[in-house]
Every structure is written in structure tokens, then in C-alpha cells.
Amino acid sequence: VFALEDDDIDRLAEETIEAVAGLMACIQECRAAVGDRLSEAI
């Protein structure tokens, strides 16, 4: 694993960042959905 090529590093880093950032997207989408469902009552 020591001799990684730059292309492999870019791919792995992008996959990692997208996976971590994806959790924030889940949080935002769920909260928005709850708010939308109860919007009128709120």
C-alpha cells in the first residue's frame, strides 16, 4: 500500500470525502422532510 499512484490517491480520497460528506446530506434531508411534513401545524 506504500507505493500508491497519484490517480489511486485521488480516487480513494474522493470516495472518502464523499462518504463522510454524505452523512451531512442525510441529516439535512431527514430534518427537512420532518419539517415539511409538519409545516402547517408548526
PDB file of all heavy atoms in Angstrom:
ATOM      1  N   VAL A   1       0.816  -1.220   0.000  1.00  0.00           N
ATOM      2  CA  VAL A   1       0.000   0.000   0.000  1.00  0.00           C
ATOM      3  C   VAL A   1       0.848   1.269   0.000  1.00  0.00           C
ATOM      4  O   VAL A   1       0.303   2.375  -0.127  1.00  0.00           O
ATOM      5  CB  VAL A   1      -0.955   0.029   1.218  1.00  0.00           C
ATOM      6  CG1 VAL A   1      -1.866  -1.174   1.206  1.00  0.00           C
ATOM      7  CG2 VAL A   1      -0.174   0.113   2.522  1.00  0.00           C
ATOM      8  N   PHE A   2       2.163   1.125   0.122  1.00  0.00           N
ATOM      9  CA  PHE A   2       3.012   2.314   0.242  1.00  0.00           C
ATOM     10  C   PHE A   2       3.175   3.038  -1.089  1.00  0.00           C
ATOM     11  O   PHE A   2       3.221   4.266  -1.140  1.00  0.00           O
ATOM     12  CB  PHE A   2       4.378   1.918   0.796  1.00  0.00           C
ATOM     13  CG  PHE A   2       5.316   3.083   0.983  1.00  0.00           C
ATOM     14  CD1 PHE A   2       5.004   4.095   1.861  1.00  0.00           C
ATOM     15  CD2 PHE A   2       6.493   3.157   0.261  1.00  0.00           C
ATOM     16  CE1 PHE A   2       5.850   5.178   2.039  1.00  0.00           C
ATOM     17  CE2 PHE A   2       7.354   4.235   0.433  1.00  0.00           C
ATOM     18  CZ  PHE A   2       7.032   5.236   1.326  1.00  0.00           C
ATOM     19  N   ALA A   3       3.264   2.302  -2.161  1.00  0.00           N
ATOM     20  CA  ALA A   3       3.577   2.893  -3.464  1.00  0.00           C
ATOM     21  C   ALA A   3       2.313   3.226  -4.247  1.00  0.00           C
ATOM     22  O   ALA A   3       2.133   2.784  -5.383  1.00  0.00           O
ATOM     23  CB  ALA A   3       4.479   1.964  -4.260  1.00  0.00           C
ATOM     24  N   LEU A   4       1.422   4.005  -3.669  1.00  0.00           N
ATOM     25  CA  LEU A   4       0.190   4.380  -4.360  1.00  0.00           C
ATOM     26  C   LEU A   4       0.472   5.401  -5.448  1.00  0.00           C
ATOM     27  O   LEU A   4       1.236   6.355  -5.247  1.00  0.00           O
ATOM     28  CB  LEU A   4      -0.810   4.974  -3.369  1.00  0.00           C
ATOM     29  CG  LEU A   4      -1.573   4.006  -2.466  1.00  0.00           C
ATOM     30  CD1 LEU A   4      -2.382   4.788  -1.443  1.00  0.00           C
ATOM     31  CD2 LEU A   4      -2.489   3.106  -3.283  1.00  0.00           C
ATOM     32  N   GLU A   5      -0.168   5.221  -6.603  1.00  0.00           N
ATOM     33  CA  GLU A   5      -0.067   6.201  -7.671  1.00  0.00           C
ATOM     34  C   GLU A   5      -0.993   7.386  -7.373  1.00  0.00           C
ATOM     35  O   GLU A   5      -1.988   7.262  -6.640  1.00  0.00           O
ATOM     36  CB  GLU A   5      -0.461   5.565  -9.005  1.00  0.00           C
ATOM     37  CG  GLU A   5       0.419   4.408  -9.445  1.00  0.00           C
ATOM     38  CD  GLU A   5       1.824   4.859  -9.809  1.00  0.00           C
ATOM     39  OE1 GLU A   5       1.989   6.064 -10.133  1.00  0.00           O
ATOM     40  OE2 GLU A   5       2.748   4.017  -9.759  1.00  0.00           O
ATOM     41  N   ASP A   6      -0.672   8.534  -7.954  1.00  0.00           N
ATOM     42  CA  ASP A   6      -1.477   9.737  -7.712  1.00  0.00           C
ATOM     43  C   ASP A   6      -2.933   9.532  -8.103  1.00  0.00           C
ATOM     44  O   ASP A   6      -3.842  10.015  -7.410  1.00  0.00           O
ATOM     45  CB  ASP A   6      -0.888  10.926  -8.474  1.00  0.00           C
ATOM     46  CG  ASP A   6       0.374  11.477  -7.817  1.00  0.00           C
ATOM     47  OD1 ASP A   6       0.637  11.117  -6.648  1.00  0.00           O
ATOM     48  OD2 ASP A   6       1.084  12.264  -8.470  1.00  0.00           O
ATOM     49  N   ASP A   7      -3.186   8.831  -9.183  1.00  0.00           N
ATOM     50  CA  ASP A   7      -4.565   8.585  -9.611  1.00  0.00           C
ATOM     51  C   ASP A   7      -5.330   7.775  -8.575  1.00  0.00           C
ATOM     52  O   ASP A   7      -6.521   8.033  -8.307  1.00  0.00           O
ATOM     53  CB  ASP A   7      -4.589   7.853 -10.958  1.00  0.00           C
ATOM     54  CG  ASP A   7      -4.181   8.755 -12.111  1.00  0.00           C
ATOM     55  OD1 ASP A   7      -4.128   9.989 -11.908  1.00  0.00           O
ATOM     56  OD2 ASP A   7      -3.902   8.231 -13.211  1.00  0.00           O
ATOM     57  N   ASP A   8      -4.653   6.790  -7.985  1.00  0.00           N
ATOM     58  CA  ASP A   8      -5.294   5.977  -6.947  1.00  0.00           C
ATOM     59  C   ASP A   8      -5.571   6.810  -5.700  1.00  0.00           C
ATOM     60  O   ASP A   8      -6.632   6.673  -5.064  1.00  0.00           O
ATOM     61  CB  ASP A   8      -4.409   4.780  -6.588  1.00  0.00           C
ATOM     62  CG  ASP A   8      -4.318   3.771  -7.715  1.00  0.00           C
ATOM     63  OD1 ASP A   8      -5.302   3.641  -8.470  1.00  0.00           O
ATOM     64  OD2 ASP A   8      -3.262   3.123  -7.855  1.00  0.00           O
ATOM     65  N   ILE A   9      -4.633   7.671  -5.359  1.00  0.00           N
ATOM     66  CA  ILE A   9      -4.809   8.537  -4.191  1.00  0.00           C
ATOM     67  C   ILE A   9      -5.998   9.470  -4.403  1.00  0.00           C
ATOM     68  O   ILE A   9      -6.849   9.632  -3.506  1.00  0.00           O
ATOM     69  CB  ILE A   9      -3.525   9.350  -3.919  1.00  0.00           C
ATOM     70  CG1 ILE A   9      -2.414   8.417  -3.416  1.00  0.00           C
ATOM     71  CG2 ILE A   9      -3.796  10.456  -2.892  1.00  0.00           C
ATOM     72  CD1 ILE A   9      -1.076   9.106  -3.220  1.00  0.00           C
ATOM     73  N   ASP A  10      -6.080  10.076  -5.583  1.00  0.00           N
ATOM     74  CA  ASP A  10      -7.194  10.989  -5.873  1.00  0.00           C
ATOM     75  C   ASP A  10      -8.529  10.259  -5.797  1.00  0.00           C
ATOM     76  O   ASP A  10      -9.509  10.784  -5.249  1.00  0.00           O
ATOM     77  CB  ASP A  10      -7.022  11.600  -7.267  1.00  0.00           C
ATOM     78  CG  ASP A  10      -5.837  12.563  -7.338  1.00  0.00           C
ATOM     79  OD1 ASP A  10      -5.371  13.001  -6.268  1.00  0.00           O
ATOM     80  OD2 ASP A  10      -5.383  12.852  -8.458  1.00  0.00           O
ATOM     81  N   ARG A  11      -8.581   9.055  -6.335  1.00  0.00           N
ATOM     82  CA  ARG A  11      -9.828   8.288  -6.327  1.00  0.00           C
ATOM     83  C   ARG A  11     -10.228   7.913  -4.904  1.00  0.00           C
ATOM     84  O   ARG A  11     -11.394   8.089  -4.510  1.00  0.00           O
ATOM     85  CB  ARG A  11      -9.669   7.023  -7.176  1.00  0.00           C
ATOM     86  CG  ARG A  11     -10.880   6.082  -7.127  1.00  0.00           C
ATOM     87  CD  ARG A  11     -10.655   4.867  -7.995  1.00  0.00           C
ATOM     88  NE  ARG A  11      -9.430   4.156  -7.643  1.00  0.00           N
ATOM     89  CZ  ARG A  11      -9.334   3.311  -6.600  1.00  0.00           C
ATOM     90  NH1 ARG A  11     -10.390   3.085  -5.826  1.00  0.00           N
ATOM     91  NH2 ARG A  11      -8.209   2.679  -6.357  1.00  0.00           N
ATOM     92  N   LEU A  12      -9.288   7.403  -4.132  1.00  0.00           N
ATOM     93  CA  LEU A  12      -9.587   6.990  -2.759  1.00  0.00           C
ATOM     94  C   LEU A  12      -9.974   8.177  -1.885  1.00  0.00           C
ATOM     95  O   LEU A  12     -10.897   8.082  -1.059  1.00  0.00           O
ATOM     96  CB  LEU A  12      -8.374   6.270  -2.161  1.00  0.00           C
ATOM     97  CG  LEU A  12      -8.059   4.888  -2.742  1.00  0.00           C
ATOM     98  CD1 LEU A  12      -6.682   4.425  -2.298  1.00  0.00           C
ATOM     99  CD2 LEU A  12      -9.123   3.876  -2.316  1.00  0.00           C
ATOM    100  N   ALA A  13      -9.283   9.283  -2.067  1.00  0.00           N
ATOM    101  CA  ALA A  13      -9.599  10.479  -1.280  1.00  0.00           C
ATOM    102  C   ALA A  13     -10.988  10.997  -1.612  1.00  0.00           C
ATOM    103  O   ALA A  13     -11.764  11.358  -0.713  1.00  0.00           O
ATOM    104  CB  ALA A  13      -8.553  11.563  -1.534  1.00  0.00           C
ATOM    105  N   GLU A  14     -11.331  11.003  -2.904  1.00  0.00           N
ATOM    106  CA  GLU A  14     -12.653  11.474  -3.306  1.00  0.00           C
ATOM    107  C   GLU A  14     -13.745  10.559  -2.761  1.00  0.00           C
ATOM    108  O   GLU A  14     -14.785  11.043  -2.280  1.00  0.00           O
ATOM    109  CB  GLU A  14     -12.746  11.537  -4.831  1.00  0.00           C
ATOM    110  CG  GLU A  14     -14.080  12.078  -5.318  1.00  0.00           C
ATOM    111  CD  GLU A  14     -14.159  12.195  -6.830  1.00  0.00           C
ATOM    112  OE1 GLU A  14     -13.137  11.925  -7.505  1.00  0.00           O
ATOM    113  OE2 GLU A  14     -15.238  12.541  -7.344  1.00  0.00           O
ATOM    114  N   GLU A  15     -13.541   9.255  -2.809  1.00  0.00           N
ATOM    115  CA  GLU A  15     -14.524   8.322  -2.263  1.00  0.00           C
ATOM    116  C   GLU A  15     -14.714   8.543  -0.766  1.00  0.00           C
ATOM    117  O   GLU A  15     -15.832   8.489  -0.249  1.00  0.00           O
ATOM    118  CB  GLU A  15     -14.067   6.884  -2.528  1.00  0.00           C
ATOM    119  CG  GLU A  15     -14.149   6.471  -3.998  1.00  0.00           C
ATOM    120  CD  GLU A  15     -13.563   5.089  -4.237  1.00  0.00           C
ATOM    121  OE1 GLU A  15     -13.071   4.473  -3.266  1.00  0.00           O
ATOM    122  OE2 GLU A  15     -13.598   4.617  -5.403  1.00  0.00           O
ATOM    123  N   THR A  16     -13.608   8.789  -0.063  1.00  0.00           N
ATOM    124  CA  THR A  16     -13.676   9.018   1.381  1.00  0.00           C
ATOM    125  C   THR A  16     -14.434  10.295   1.695  1.00  0.00           C
ATOM    126  O   THR A  16     -15.342  10.310   2.548  1.00  0.00           O
ATOM    127  CB  THR A  16     -12.256   9.112   1.965  1.00  0.00           C
ATOM    128  OG1 THR A  16     -11.563   7.894   1.719  1.00  0.00           O
ATOM    129  CG2 THR A  16     -12.312   9.375   3.468  1.00  0.00           C
ATOM    130  N   ILE A  17     -14.081  11.372   1.023  1.00  0.00           N
ATOM    131  CA  ILE A  17     -14.713  12.664   1.283  1.00  0.00           C
ATOM    132  C   ILE A  17     -16.204  12.605   0.972  1.00  0.00           C
ATOM    133  O   ILE A  17     -17.036  13.116   1.737  1.00  0.00           O
ATOM    134  CB  ILE A  17     -14.015  13.769   0.462  1.00  0.00           C
ATOM    135  CG1 ILE A  17     -12.603  13.999   1.010  1.00  0.00           C
ATOM    136  CG2 ILE A  17     -14.819  15.066   0.486  1.00  0.00           C
ATOM    137  CD1 ILE A  17     -11.732  14.870   0.141  1.00  0.00           C
ATOM    138  N   GLU A  18     -16.569  11.960  -0.122  1.00  0.00           N
ATOM    139  CA  GLU A  18     -17.980  11.846  -0.484  1.00  0.00           C
ATOM    140  C   GLU A  18     -18.755  11.033   0.544  1.00  0.00           C
ATOM    141  O   GLU A  18     -19.908  11.339   0.865  1.00  0.00           O
ATOM    142  CB  GLU A  18     -18.132  11.228  -1.871  1.00  0.00           C
ATOM    143  CG  GLU A  18     -17.845  12.186  -3.007  1.00  0.00           C
ATOM    144  CD  GLU A  18     -18.763  13.394  -2.991  1.00  0.00           C
ATOM    145  OE1 GLU A  18     -19.979  13.222  -2.789  1.00  0.00           O
ATOM    146  OE2 GLU A  18     -18.263  14.516  -3.166  1.00  0.00           O
ATOM    147  N   ALA A  19     -18.126   9.980   1.059  1.00  0.00           N
ATOM    148  CA  ALA A  19     -18.799   9.135   2.049  1.00  0.00           C
ATOM    149  C   ALA A  19     -19.045   9.901   3.347  1.00  0.00           C
ATOM    150  O   ALA A  19     -20.124   9.801   3.944  1.00  0.00           O
ATOM    151  CB  ALA A  19     -17.969   7.885   2.327  1.00  0.00           C
ATOM    152  N   VAL A  20     -18.040  10.662   3.795  1.00  0.00           N
ATOM    153  CA  VAL A  20     -18.191  11.438   5.028  1.00  0.00           C
ATOM    154  C   VAL A  20     -19.196  12.566   4.819  1.00  0.00           C
ATOM    155  O   VAL A  20     -20.092  12.784   5.644  1.00  0.00           O
ATOM    156  CB  VAL A  20     -16.829  11.998   5.496  1.00  0.00           C
ATOM    157  CG1 VAL A  20     -17.016  12.855   6.758  1.00  0.00           C
ATOM    158  CG2 VAL A  20     -15.851  10.858   5.773  1.00  0.00           C
ATOM    159  N   ALA A  21     -19.050  13.287   3.713  1.00  0.00           N
ATOM    160  CA  ALA A  21     -19.965  14.395   3.426  1.00  0.00           C
ATOM    161  C   ALA A  21     -21.395  13.893   3.226  1.00  0.00           C
ATOM    162  O   ALA A  21     -22.359  14.607   3.519  1.00  0.00           O
ATOM    163  CB  ALA A  21     -19.499  15.145   2.182  1.00  0.00           C
ATOM    164  N   GLY A  22     -21.537  12.656   2.756  1.00  0.00           N
ATOM    165  CA  GLY A  22     -22.861  12.092   2.528  1.00  0.00           C
ATOM    166  C   GLY A  22     -23.696  12.008   3.786  1.00  0.00           C
ATOM    167  O   GLY A  22     -24.934  12.093   3.724  1.00  0.00           O
ATOM    168  N   LEU A  23     -23.046  11.850   4.945  1.00  0.00           N
ATOM    169  CA  LEU A  23     -23.796  11.796   6.198  1.00  0.00           C
ATOM    170  C   LEU A  23     -24.476  13.131   6.463  1.00  0.00           C
ATOM    171  O   LEU A  23     -25.616  13.169   6.931  1.00  0.00           O
ATOM    172  CB  LEU A  23     -22.866  11.429   7.360  1.00  0.00           C
ATOM    173  CG  LEU A  23     -23.539  11.377   8.739  1.00  0.00           C
ATOM    174  CD1 LEU A  23     -24.672  10.360   8.765  1.00  0.00           C
ATOM    175  CD2 LEU A  23     -22.517  11.063   9.825  1.00  0.00           C
ATOM    176  N   MET A  24     -23.777  14.231   6.160  1.00  0.00           N
ATOM    177  CA  MET A  24     -24.389  15.549   6.349  1.00  0.00           C
ATOM    178  C   MET A  24     -25.599  15.704   5.454  1.00  0.00           C
ATOM    179  O   MET A  24     -26.623  16.264   5.858  1.00  0.00           O
ATOM    180  CB  MET A  24     -23.361  16.639   6.044  1.00  0.00           C
ATOM    181  CG  MET A  24     -23.829  18.053   6.427  1.00  0.00           C
ATOM    182  SD  MET A  24     -24.031  18.247   8.205  1.00  0.00           S
ATOM    183  CE  MET A  24     -25.656  18.952   8.325  1.00  0.00           C
ATOM    184  N   ALA A  25     -25.525  15.191   4.238  1.00  0.00           N
ATOM    185  CA  ALA A  25     -26.656  15.262   3.316  1.00  0.00           C
ATOM    186  C   ALA A  25     -27.851  14.483   3.867  1.00  0.00           C
ATOM    187  O   ALA A  25     -29.002  14.919   3.748  1.00  0.00           O
ATOM    188  CB  ALA A  25     -26.252  14.727   1.945  1.00  0.00           C
ATOM    189  N   CYS A  26     -27.579  13.314   4.478  1.00  0.00           N
ATOM    190  CA  CYS A  26     -28.658  12.514   5.083  1.00  0.00           C
ATOM    191  C   CYS A  26     -29.330  13.289   6.210  1.00  0.00           C
ATOM    192  O   CYS A  26     -30.568  13.309   6.324  1.00  0.00           O
ATOM    193  CB  CYS A  26     -28.095  11.199   5.624  1.00  0.00           C
ATOM    194  SG  CYS A  26     -27.456  10.065   4.375  1.00  0.00           S
ATOM    195  N   ILE A  27     -28.519  13.904   7.069  1.00  0.00           N
ATOM    196  CA  ILE A  27     -29.041  14.671   8.202  1.00  0.00           C
ATOM    197  C   ILE A  27     -29.940  15.799   7.702  1.00  0.00           C
ATOM    198  O   ILE A  27     -31.058  16.002   8.184  1.00  0.00           O
ATOM    199  CB  ILE A  27     -27.891  15.231   9.051  1.00  0.00           C
ATOM    200  CG1 ILE A  27     -27.131  14.087   9.740  1.00  0.00           C
ATOM    201  CG2 ILE A  27     -28.410  16.217  10.098  1.00  0.00           C
ATOM    202  CD1 ILE A  27     -25.851  14.519  10.434  1.00  0.00           C
ATOM    203  N   GLN A  28     -29.452  16.544   6.727  1.00  0.00           N
ATOM    204  CA  GLN A  28     -30.217  17.674   6.205  1.00  0.00           C
ATOM    205  C   GLN A  28     -31.515  17.224   5.542  1.00  0.00           C
ATOM    206  O   GLN A  28     -32.562  17.857   5.720  1.00  0.00           O
ATOM    207  CB  GLN A  28     -29.353  18.458   5.209  1.00  0.00           C
ATOM    208  CG  GLN A  28     -28.178  19.186   5.856  1.00  0.00           C
ATOM    209  CD  GLN A  28     -27.230  19.799   4.848  1.00  0.00           C
ATOM    210  OE1 GLN A  28     -27.051  19.277   3.748  1.00  0.00           O
ATOM    211  NE2 GLN A  28     -26.615  20.913   5.213  1.00  0.00           N
ATOM    212  N   GLU A  29     -31.458  16.139   4.787  1.00  0.00           N
ATOM    213  CA  GLU A  29     -32.650  15.668   4.091  1.00  0.00           C
ATOM    214  C   GLU A  29     -33.703  15.173   5.067  1.00  0.00           C
ATOM    215  O   GLU A  29     -34.905  15.441   4.894  1.00  0.00           O
ATOM    216  CB  GLU A  29     -32.280  14.557   3.104  1.00  0.00           C
ATOM    217  CG  GLU A  29     -33.433  14.138   2.217  1.00  0.00           C
ATOM    218  CD  GLU A  29     -33.043  13.146   1.145  1.00  0.00           C
ATOM    219  OE1 GLU A  29     -31.826  12.902   0.963  1.00  0.00           O
ATOM    220  OE2 GLU A  29     -33.945  12.611   0.470  1.00  0.00           O
ATOM    221  N   CYS A  30     -33.279  14.465   6.098  1.00  0.00           N
ATOM    222  CA  CYS A  30     -34.238  13.952   7.081  1.00  0.00           C
ATOM    223  C   CYS A  30     -34.899  15.093   7.845  1.00  0.00           C
ATOM    224  O   CYS A  30     -36.122  15.106   8.029  1.00  0.00           O
ATOM    225  CB  CYS A  30     -33.534  12.995   8.048  1.00  0.00           C
ATOM    226  SG  CYS A  30     -34.646  12.176   9.208  1.00  0.00           S
ATOM    227  N   ARG A  31     -34.109  16.054   8.277  1.00  0.00           N
ATOM    228  CA  ARG A  31     -34.671  17.181   9.028  1.00  0.00           C
ATOM    229  C   ARG A  31     -35.636  17.990   8.165  1.00  0.00           C
ATOM    230  O   ARG A  31     -36.695  18.418   8.640  1.00  0.00           O
ATOM    231  CB  ARG A  31     -33.544  18.068   9.557  1.00  0.00           C
ATOM    232  CG  ARG A  31     -32.714  17.391  10.643  1.00  0.00           C
ATOM    233  CD  ARG A  31     -31.628  18.314  11.172  1.00  0.00           C
ATOM    234  NE  ARG A  31     -30.864  17.662  12.232  1.00  0.00           N
ATOM    235  CZ  ARG A  31     -29.894  18.255  12.926  1.00  0.00           C
ATOM    236  NH1 ARG A  31     -29.581  19.515  12.669  1.00  0.00           N
ATOM    237  NH2 ARG A  31     -29.249  17.597  13.872  1.00  0.00           N
ATOM    238  N   ALA A  32     -35.256  18.190   6.921  1.00  0.00           N
ATOM    239  CA  ALA A  32     -36.136  18.937   6.023  1.00  0.00           C
ATOM    240  C   ALA A  32     -37.456  18.199   5.802  1.00  0.00           C
ATOM    241  O   ALA A  32     -38.532  18.825   5.751  1.00  0.00           O
ATOM    242  CB  ALA A  32     -35.433  19.176   4.685  1.00  0.00           C
ATOM    243  N   ALA A  33     -37.388  16.871   5.702  1.00  0.00           N
ATOM    244  CA  ALA A  33     -38.593  16.082   5.473  1.00  0.00           C
ATOM    245  C   ALA A  33     -39.535  16.149   6.675  1.00  0.00           C
ATOM    246  O   ALA A  33     -40.760  16.260   6.511  1.00  0.00           O
ATOM    247  CB  ALA A  33     -38.218  14.630   5.177  1.00  0.00           C
ATOM    248  N   VAL A  34     -38.987  16.099   7.882  1.00  0.00           N
ATOM    249  CA  VAL A  34     -39.815  16.210   9.091  1.00  0.00           C
ATOM    250  C   VAL A  34     -40.470  17.589   9.130  1.00  0.00           C
ATOM    251  O   VAL A  34     -41.666  17.727   9.414  1.00  0.00           O
ATOM    252  CB  VAL A  34     -38.981  15.976  10.362  1.00  0.00           C
ATOM    253  CG1 VAL A  34     -39.824  16.237  11.610  1.00  0.00           C
ATOM    254  CG2 VAL A  34     -38.446  14.554  10.399  1.00  0.00           C
ATOM    255  N   GLY A  35     -39.672  18.625   8.857  1.00  0.00           N
ATOM    256  CA  GLY A  35     -40.208  19.985   8.870  1.00  0.00           C
ATOM    257  C   GLY A  35     -41.291  20.184   7.831  1.00  0.00           C
ATOM    258  O   GLY A  35     -42.324  20.814   8.101  1.00  0.00           O
ATOM    259  N   ASP A  36     -41.090  19.628   6.646  1.00  0.00           N
ATOM    260  CA  ASP A  36     -42.096  19.760   5.584  1.00  0.00           C
ATOM    261  C   ASP A  36     -43.391  19.051   5.962  1.00  0.00           C
ATOM    262  O   ASP A  36     -44.490  19.554   5.700  1.00  0.00           O
ATOM    263  CB  ASP A  36     -41.559  19.180   4.272  1.00  0.00           C
ATOM    264  CG  ASP A  36     -40.484  20.058   3.651  1.00  0.00           C
ATOM    265  OD1 ASP A  36     -40.348  21.221   4.077  1.00  0.00           O
ATOM    266  OD2 ASP A  36     -39.761  19.568   2.758  1.00  0.00           O
ATOM    267  N   ARG A  37     -43.249  17.868   6.560  1.00  0.00           N
ATOM    268  CA  ARG A  37     -44.440  17.085   6.905  1.00  0.00           C
ATOM    269  C   ARG A  37     -45.300  17.809   7.941  1.00  0.00           C
ATOM    270  O   ARG A  37     -46.534  17.726   7.899  1.00  0.00           O
ATOM    271  CB  ARG A  37     -44.019  15.712   7.430  1.00  0.00           C
ATOM    272  CG  ARG A  37     -45.202  14.822   7.778  1.00  0.00           C
ATOM    273  CD  ARG A  37     -44.791  13.401   8.098  1.00  0.00           C
ATOM    274  NE  ARG A  37     -45.943  12.596   8.450  1.00  0.00           N
ATOM    275  CZ  ARG A  37     -46.794  12.063   7.603  1.00  0.00           C
ATOM    276  NH1 ARG A  37     -46.615  12.230   6.314  1.00  0.00           N
ATOM    277  NH2 ARG A  37     -47.825  11.357   8.019  1.00  0.00           N
ATOM    278  N   LEU A  38     -44.665  18.524   8.859  1.00  0.00           N
ATOM    279  CA  LEU A  38     -45.395  19.193   9.937  1.00  0.00           C
ATOM    280  C   LEU A  38     -45.489  20.707   9.713  1.00  0.00           C
ATOM    281  O   LEU A  38     -45.824  21.452  10.632  1.00  0.00           O
ATOM    282  CB  LEU A  38     -44.709  18.919  11.280  1.00  0.00           C
ATOM    283  CG  LEU A  38     -44.645  17.455  11.714  1.00  0.00           C
ATOM    284  CD1 LEU A  38     -43.884  17.331  13.026  1.00  0.00           C
ATOM    285  CD2 LEU A  38     -46.043  16.868  11.861  1.00  0.00           C
ATOM    286  N   SER A  39     -45.195  21.149   8.507  1.00  0.00           N
ATOM    287  CA  SER A  39     -45.065  22.580   8.234  1.00  0.00           C
ATOM    288  C   SER A  39     -46.289  23.390   8.657  1.00  0.00           C
ATOM    289  O   SER A  39     -46.173  24.386   9.382  1.00  0.00           O
ATOM    290  CB  SER A  39     -44.801  22.793   6.735  1.00  0.00           C
ATOM    291  OG  SER A  39     -44.696  24.155   6.444  1.00  0.00           O
ATOM    292  N   GLU A  40     -47.460  22.977   8.225  1.00  0.00           N
ATOM    293  CA  GLU A  40     -48.671  23.751   8.525  1.00  0.00           C
ATOM    294  C   GLU A  40     -48.943  23.785  10.023  1.00  0.00           C
ATOM    295  O   GLU A  40     -49.276  24.842  10.581  1.00  0.00           O
ATOM    296  CB  GLU A  40     -49.865  23.146   7.782  1.00  0.00           C
ATOM    297  CG  GLU A  40     -51.148  23.946   7.957  1.00  0.00           C
ATOM    298  CD  GLU A  40     -52.289  23.395   7.126  1.00  0.00           C
ATOM    299  OE1 GLU A  40     -52.038  22.546   6.239  1.00  0.00           O
ATOM    300  OE2 GLU A  40     -53.434  23.808   7.359  1.00  0.00           O
ATOM    301  N   ALA A  41     -48.767  22.649  10.685  1.00  0.00           N
ATOM    302  CA  ALA A  41     -49.018  22.586  12.123  1.00  0.00           C
ATOM    303  C   ALA A  41     -48.008  23.428  12.890  1.00  0.00           C
ATOM    304  O   ALA A  41     -48.347  24.064  13.897  1.00  0.00           O
ATOM    305  CB  ALA A  41     -48.956  21.129  12.599  1.00  0.00           C
ATOM    306  N   ILE A  42     -46.762  23.457  12.431  1.00  0.00           N
ATOM    307  CA  ILE A  42     -45.732  24.269  13.091  1.00  0.00           C
ATOM    308  C   ILE A  42     -46.102  25.747  13.001  1.00  0.00           C
ATOM    309  O   ILE A  42     -46.037  26.487  13.988  1.00  0.00           O
ATOM    310  CB  ILE A  42     -44.354  24.023  12.439  1.00  0.00           C
ATOM    311  CG1 ILE A  42     -43.871  22.607  12.742  1.00  0.00           C
ATOM    312  CG2 ILE A  42     -43.330  25.048  12.926  1.00  0.00           C
ATOM    313  CD1 ILE A  42     -42.652  22.189  11.933  1.00  0.00           C
TER     314      ILE A  42
END
